[in-house]
């Protein structure tokens, strides 16, 4: 196939899929079981996404690297638009799926738009809780792993404690944390920190222990002191494992965030999802899930961007 023709077909795929979604939306009558919204919120979302994609494609003409990356993802965007078209047809136009548990995309998009301020407040609260717990877990996990990996005497005493406490699921600590800590907020920060602490500790210690002993011997021959050997030799050589621990820690922290917000909090996206479920408003449940999925994906993307900047020699080895 001609390369230019193939490029045109690839570029047009997302727009054809979006057009199919529009045709199905207006051509097939509603089943009558879904709650009717005052505005076509799903169509507004779809058109916004299409316009944003078109703007990015135009920008890609001038920014070659960005354009090349975007073109590689066009079939994926086409698949997403096609999936939304089929999903919306199933939930809105047919009676195949239970209406209670599968609201129309109009309802989900409409709820996100009409409750955007309330959702934003809960998102900010969740972010604050996540950042506090993550930073505390990162700092304690890094230094615990450093001590375990570098000093065998410290490792002798700390290693059994880490092996005993670390594998215990964070959610198992919820009753104890709520009893011991003076406030629910401080208990939740501890639980998120604990979820981050174990993977960061484990991977940092593993990274330090796997550093070639020759590096330490050479640095010692050149007169390096302990601080230099730890932070200028051991830590840089352990960065791949440390970032892997951060990846596991972020995933665990999001899972813990949802668990703690569903058990005792009165704010946050996790609380919002649980509240919407309790009142049988599953459009709110899906809205909350979408928000937390997007947030987690953005945080992990940022982590890998930072990783590629710091570890230039391993750029692109692990992709997200």
Protein backbone atom coordinates (compact mmCIF):
# COMPACT_ATOMS: atom_id res chain seq x y z
CA UNK A 1 0.00 0.00 0.00
CA UNK A 2 1.19 3.50 -0.83
CA UNK A 3 2.76 5.11 2.26
CA UNK A 4 0.89 8.37 1.77
CA UNK A 5 -2.45 6.56 1.41
CA UNK A 6 -1.70 4.50 4.52
CA UNK A 7 -0.93 7.71 6.43
CA UNK A 8 -4.22 9.29 5.33
CA UNK A 9 -6.17 6.18 6.37
CA UNK A 10 -4.45 6.02 9.77
CA UNK A 11 -5.06 9.73 10.37
CA UNK A 12 -8.73 9.47 9.44
CA UNK A 13 -9.47 6.42 11.62
CA UNK A 14 -10.26 8.29 14.88
CA UNK A 15 -12.48 10.77 13.04
CA UNK A 16 -14.35 7.96 11.27
CA UNK A 17 -14.89 6.19 14.61
CA UNK A 18 -16.16 9.44 16.15
CA UNK A 19 -18.46 9.95 13.16
CA UNK A 20 -19.82 6.42 13.64
CA UNK A 21 -20.55 7.27 17.28
CA UNK A 22 -22.47 10.38 16.19
CA UNK A 23 -24.48 8.43 13.61
CA UNK A 24 -25.41 5.71 16.11
CA UNK A 25 -26.31 8.32 18.74
CA UNK A 26 -28.78 10.17 16.52
CA UNK A 27 -29.97 7.39 14.19
CA UNK A 28 -31.00 4.78 16.78
CA UNK A 29 -33.86 5.77 19.12
CA UNK A 30 -33.44 5.61 22.89
CA UNK A 31 -34.65 2.49 24.68
CA UNK A 32 -36.73 4.63 27.04
CA UNK A 33 -35.27 3.04 30.17
CA UNK A 34 -32.39 5.47 30.71
CA UNK A 35 -32.92 8.79 32.45
CA UNK A 36 -33.00 11.53 29.82
CA UNK A 37 -30.50 14.35 30.27
CA UNK A 38 -31.32 17.99 29.38
CA UNK A 39 -28.25 18.25 27.13
CA UNK A 40 -26.26 15.77 24.99
CA UNK A 41 -23.25 15.75 27.33
CA UNK A 42 -21.65 12.71 25.70
CA UNK A 43 -21.74 14.36 22.28
CA UNK A 44 -20.19 17.50 23.77
CA UNK A 45 -17.40 15.38 25.26
CA UNK A 46 -16.90 13.53 21.97
CA UNK A 47 -16.71 16.72 19.90
CA UNK A 48 -14.30 18.28 22.41
CA UNK A 49 -12.05 15.22 22.15
CA UNK A 50 -12.16 15.29 18.34
CA UNK A 51 -11.33 19.00 18.21
CA UNK A 52 -8.47 18.51 20.69
CA UNK A 53 -7.12 15.65 18.57
CA UNK A 54 -7.32 17.76 15.41
CA UNK A 55 -5.44 20.61 17.11
CA UNK A 56 -2.75 18.18 18.27
CA UNK A 57 -2.39 16.79 14.74
CA UNK A 58 -1.91 20.30 13.37
CA UNK A 59 0.66 21.01 16.10
CA UNK A 60 2.39 17.76 15.16
CA UNK A 61 3.08 19.13 11.68
CA UNK A 62 5.42 21.71 13.22
CA UNK A 63 6.72 19.60 16.14
CA UNK A 64 7.99 16.50 14.35
CA UNK A 65 8.75 14.35 17.42
CA UNK A 66 5.35 15.07 18.94
CA UNK A 67 3.66 14.39 15.61
CA UNK A 68 5.42 11.05 15.18
CA UNK A 69 4.37 9.90 18.67
CA UNK A 70 0.80 11.05 18.10
CA UNK A 71 0.50 9.24 14.76
CA UNK A 72 1.57 6.01 16.41
CA UNK A 73 -1.35 6.32 18.84
CA UNK A 74 -4.05 7.20 16.30
CA UNK A 75 -5.29 3.58 15.91
CA UNK A 76 -5.57 3.42 19.71
CA UNK A 77 -7.70 6.58 19.79
CA UNK A 78 -9.81 5.17 16.97
CA UNK A 79 -10.34 2.01 19.01
CA UNK A 80 -11.36 4.10 22.03
CA UNK A 81 -13.93 6.09 20.03
CA UNK A 82 -15.26 2.88 18.49
CA UNK A 83 -15.55 1.26 21.94
CA UNK A 84 -17.46 4.28 23.25
CA UNK A 85 -19.79 4.13 20.24
CA UNK A 86 -20.62 0.47 20.87
CA UNK A 87 -20.88 0.95 24.64
CA UNK A 88 -23.23 3.92 24.33
CA UNK A 89 -25.39 1.98 21.89
CA UNK A 90 -25.62 -0.97 24.28
CA UNK A 91 -26.50 1.04 27.38
CA UNK A 92 -28.70 3.73 25.81
CA UNK A 93 -30.32 2.18 22.75
CA UNK A 94 -30.93 -1.41 23.81
CA UNK A 95 -32.32 -3.21 26.86
CA UNK A 96 -29.47 -5.72 27.08
CA UNK A 97 -27.75 -4.29 30.18
CA UNK A 98 -29.32 -3.42 33.57
CA UNK A 99 -29.98 0.33 33.61
CA UNK A 100 -29.19 0.64 37.32
CA UNK A 101 -25.61 -0.60 36.99
CA UNK A 102 -24.90 0.65 33.46
CA UNK A 103 -25.92 4.31 33.10
CA UNK A 104 -25.72 6.02 29.73
CA UNK A 105 -22.61 7.97 28.79
CA UNK A 106 -24.78 11.08 28.72
CA UNK A 107 -25.48 10.58 32.43
CA UNK A 108 -21.83 9.95 33.33
CA UNK A 109 -20.52 12.92 31.32
CA UNK A 110 -23.39 15.08 32.57
CA UNK A 111 -22.64 14.25 36.19
CA UNK A 112 -18.95 15.11 35.76
CA UNK A 113 -19.92 18.46 34.23
CA UNK A 114 -22.71 19.44 36.63
CA UNK A 115 -20.80 18.34 39.76
CA UNK A 116 -17.37 19.51 38.60
CA UNK A 117 -16.82 21.88 41.55
CA UNK A 118 -17.79 19.25 44.13
CA UNK A 119 -15.68 16.62 42.38
CA UNK A 120 -12.74 19.01 42.24
CA UNK A 121 -12.95 19.62 46.01
CA UNK A 122 -12.89 15.89 46.65
CA UNK A 123 -10.04 15.44 44.20
CA UNK A 124 -7.97 18.13 45.94
CA UNK A 125 -8.61 16.45 49.30
CA UNK A 126 -7.53 13.06 47.92
CA UNK A 127 -4.42 14.59 46.38
CA UNK A 128 -3.45 16.24 49.66
CA UNK A 129 -3.87 12.98 51.56
CA UNK A 130 -1.97 11.05 48.89
CA UNK A 131 0.96 13.49 48.79
CA UNK A 132 1.37 13.55 52.58
CA UNK A 133 1.31 9.77 52.88
CA UNK A 134 3.49 9.21 49.82
CA UNK A 135 6.22 11.64 50.92
CA UNK A 136 6.33 10.20 54.43
CA UNK A 137 6.47 6.64 53.08
CA UNK A 138 9.08 7.57 50.47
CA UNK A 139 11.44 9.21 52.98
CA UNK A 140 11.16 6.48 55.61
CA UNK A 141 11.30 3.71 52.99
CA UNK A 142 14.37 5.18 51.27
CA UNK A 143 16.40 5.51 54.47
CA UNK A 144 15.24 2.15 55.80
CA UNK A 145 16.27 0.49 52.54
CA UNK A 146 19.56 2.38 52.59
CA UNK A 147 20.32 1.12 56.09
CA UNK A 148 19.27 -2.43 55.25
CA UNK A 149 21.28 -2.58 52.07
CA UNK A 150 24.47 -0.85 53.16
CA UNK A 151 24.99 -1.81 56.80
CA UNK A 152 24.83 -5.52 57.58
CA UNK A 153 24.57 -4.87 61.34
CA UNK A 154 21.46 -2.72 60.86
CA UNK A 155 20.15 -5.25 58.36
CA UNK A 156 20.54 -8.04 60.93
CA UNK A 157 17.98 -6.35 63.20
CA UNK A 158 15.74 -4.59 60.68
CA UNK A 159 15.44 -7.31 58.05
CA UNK A 160 13.22 -9.64 60.15
CA UNK A 161 10.96 -6.71 61.08
CA UNK A 162 10.62 -5.70 57.43
CA UNK A 163 9.90 -9.28 56.35
CA UNK A 164 7.29 -9.66 59.10
CA UNK A 165 5.43 -6.35 58.70
CA UNK A 166 5.88 -5.58 55.00
CA UNK A 167 3.81 -8.37 53.40
CA UNK A 168 0.77 -7.66 55.63
CA UNK A 169 -1.91 -6.00 53.43
CA UNK A 170 -2.28 -2.33 54.29
CA UNK A 171 -6.04 -2.66 54.65
CA UNK A 172 -5.51 -5.12 57.51
CA UNK A 173 -4.03 -2.27 59.55
CA UNK A 174 -7.09 -0.01 59.17
CA UNK A 175 -8.87 -1.01 62.45
CA UNK A 176 -5.65 -0.68 64.47
CA UNK A 177 -4.63 2.62 62.85
CA UNK A 178 -8.05 4.17 63.48
CA UNK A 179 -7.77 3.14 67.14
CA UNK A 180 -4.18 4.25 67.74
CA UNK A 181 -4.01 7.57 65.89
CA UNK A 182 -5.81 10.63 67.33
CA UNK A 183 -7.55 11.58 64.07
CA UNK A 184 -8.82 9.74 61.01
CA UNK A 185 -6.65 11.94 58.82
CA UNK A 186 -3.41 11.01 60.61
CA UNK A 187 -4.39 7.32 60.50
CA UNK A 188 -5.00 7.54 56.76
CA UNK A 189 -1.66 9.28 56.18
CA UNK A 190 0.07 6.48 58.11
CA UNK A 191 -1.70 3.76 56.09
CA UNK A 192 -0.76 5.33 52.75
CA UNK A 193 2.81 5.84 53.99
CA UNK A 194 2.96 2.18 55.04
CA UNK A 195 1.79 1.10 51.57
CA UNK A 196 4.65 3.09 50.02
CA UNK A 197 7.26 2.23 52.67
CA UNK A 198 7.53 -1.51 52.01
CA UNK A 199 8.14 -1.56 48.22
CA UNK A 200 10.52 1.42 48.44
CA UNK A 201 12.42 -0.22 51.32
CA UNK A 202 12.60 -3.57 49.55
CA UNK A 203 13.77 -2.25 46.18
CA UNK A 204 16.20 0.28 47.66
CA UNK A 205 17.84 -2.39 49.82
CA UNK A 206 17.96 -4.76 46.85
CA UNK A 207 19.55 -2.07 44.69
CA UNK A 208 22.20 -1.17 47.28
CA UNK A 209 23.10 -4.83 47.84
CA UNK A 210 23.47 -5.47 44.10
CA UNK A 211 26.01 -2.65 43.57
CA UNK A 212 29.35 -4.01 42.39
CA UNK A 213 31.71 -4.13 45.38
CA UNK A 214 34.52 -2.90 43.14
CA UNK A 215 32.86 0.53 43.03
CA UNK A 216 33.16 0.84 46.81
CA UNK A 217 36.75 -0.41 46.82
CA UNK A 218 37.83 2.06 44.14
CA UNK A 219 36.12 4.99 45.88
CA UNK A 220 37.68 3.98 49.20
CA UNK A 221 41.11 3.80 47.57
CA UNK A 222 40.59 7.37 46.35
CA UNK A 223 39.84 8.49 49.90
CA UNK A 224 36.04 8.52 49.84
CA UNK A 225 34.27 8.64 53.18
CA UNK A 226 31.09 6.73 54.09
CA UNK A 227 28.75 9.58 53.09
CA UNK A 228 30.33 9.78 49.63
CA UNK A 229 30.23 6.01 49.15
CA UNK A 230 26.55 5.89 50.07
CA UNK A 231 25.16 8.93 48.25
CA UNK A 232 27.61 9.26 45.35
CA UNK A 233 28.25 5.59 44.60
CA UNK A 234 25.57 3.30 46.04
CA UNK A 235 22.46 5.44 45.47
CA UNK A 236 23.19 6.42 41.81
CA UNK A 237 23.98 2.79 40.97
CA UNK A 238 20.71 1.71 42.63
CA UNK A 239 18.44 4.20 40.86
CA UNK A 240 16.79 1.63 38.51
CA UNK A 241 15.61 -0.45 41.48
CA UNK A 242 14.66 2.63 43.52
CA UNK A 243 12.41 3.92 40.72
CA UNK A 244 10.87 0.47 40.41
CA UNK A 245 10.08 0.64 44.13
CA UNK A 246 8.52 4.08 43.59
CA UNK A 247 6.35 2.63 40.82
CA UNK A 248 5.07 -0.15 43.08
CA UNK A 249 4.66 2.36 45.91
CA UNK A 250 2.51 4.71 43.83
CA UNK A 251 0.23 1.88 42.71
CA UNK A 252 -0.10 0.65 46.32
CA UNK A 253 -0.72 4.18 47.60
CA UNK A 254 -3.66 4.69 45.21
CA UNK A 255 -5.20 1.36 46.22
CA UNK A 256 -4.79 2.27 49.89
CA UNK A 257 -6.15 5.78 49.30
CA UNK A 258 -9.38 4.35 47.92
CA UNK A 259 -9.64 1.86 50.79
CA UNK A 260 -9.12 4.41 53.59
CA UNK A 261 -11.44 6.98 52.02
CA UNK A 262 -14.16 4.36 51.81
CA UNK A 263 -13.70 3.52 55.52
CA UNK A 264 -14.16 6.54 57.74
CA UNK A 265 -13.54 9.60 55.58
CA UNK A 266 -16.16 12.21 54.73
CA UNK A 267 -14.29 13.62 51.74
CA UNK A 268 -12.24 12.40 48.81
CA UNK A 269 -12.85 10.54 45.57
CA UNK A 270 -12.95 7.17 47.36
CA UNK A 271 -15.60 8.49 49.75
CA UNK A 272 -17.52 9.93 46.78
CA UNK A 273 -17.52 6.58 44.96
CA UNK A 274 -18.73 4.76 48.07
CA UNK A 275 -21.41 7.39 48.73
CA UNK A 276 -22.72 7.21 45.16
CA UNK A 277 -22.83 3.41 45.38
CA UNK A 278 -24.78 3.56 48.66
CA UNK A 279 -27.47 5.73 47.04
CA UNK A 280 -27.47 3.53 43.91
CA UNK A 281 -26.19 6.32 41.63
CA UNK A 282 -23.79 4.37 39.47
CA UNK A 283 -23.17 7.27 37.10
CA UNK A 284 -21.31 8.86 40.05
CA UNK A 285 -19.42 5.61 40.68
CA UNK A 286 -18.17 5.54 37.08
CA UNK A 287 -17.34 9.25 37.19
CA UNK A 288 -15.21 8.71 40.30
CA UNK A 289 -13.48 5.69 38.77
CA UNK A 290 -12.65 7.67 35.63
CA UNK A 291 -11.18 10.52 37.68
CA UNK A 292 -9.02 8.28 39.86
CA UNK A 293 -7.84 6.26 36.83
CA UNK A 294 -6.82 9.43 34.97
CA UNK A 295 -5.06 10.79 38.07
CA UNK A 296 -3.12 7.56 38.67
CA UNK A 297 -2.10 7.38 35.02
CA UNK A 298 -0.89 11.00 35.05
CA UNK A 299 1.15 10.47 38.23
CA UNK A 300 2.80 7.33 36.81
CA UNK A 301 3.50 9.12 33.52
CA UNK A 302 5.17 11.94 35.46
CA UNK A 303 7.25 9.40 37.40
CA UNK A 304 8.56 7.83 34.20
CA UNK A 305 9.28 11.25 32.69
CA UNK A 306 11.38 12.10 35.75
CA UNK A 307 13.05 8.68 35.54
CA UNK A 308 14.02 9.24 31.89
CA UNK A 309 15.43 12.69 32.73
CA UNK A 310 17.53 11.43 35.65
CA UNK A 311 18.54 8.08 34.16
CA UNK A 312 19.39 9.15 30.63
CA UNK A 313 21.41 5.98 30.03
CA UNK A 314 18.26 3.88 30.55
CA UNK A 315 15.78 6.14 28.77
CA UNK A 316 13.02 4.08 27.19
CA UNK A 317 14.16 0.78 28.76
CA UNK A 318 10.93 0.67 30.79
CA UNK A 319 7.96 2.33 29.12
CA UNK A 320 4.63 3.49 30.49
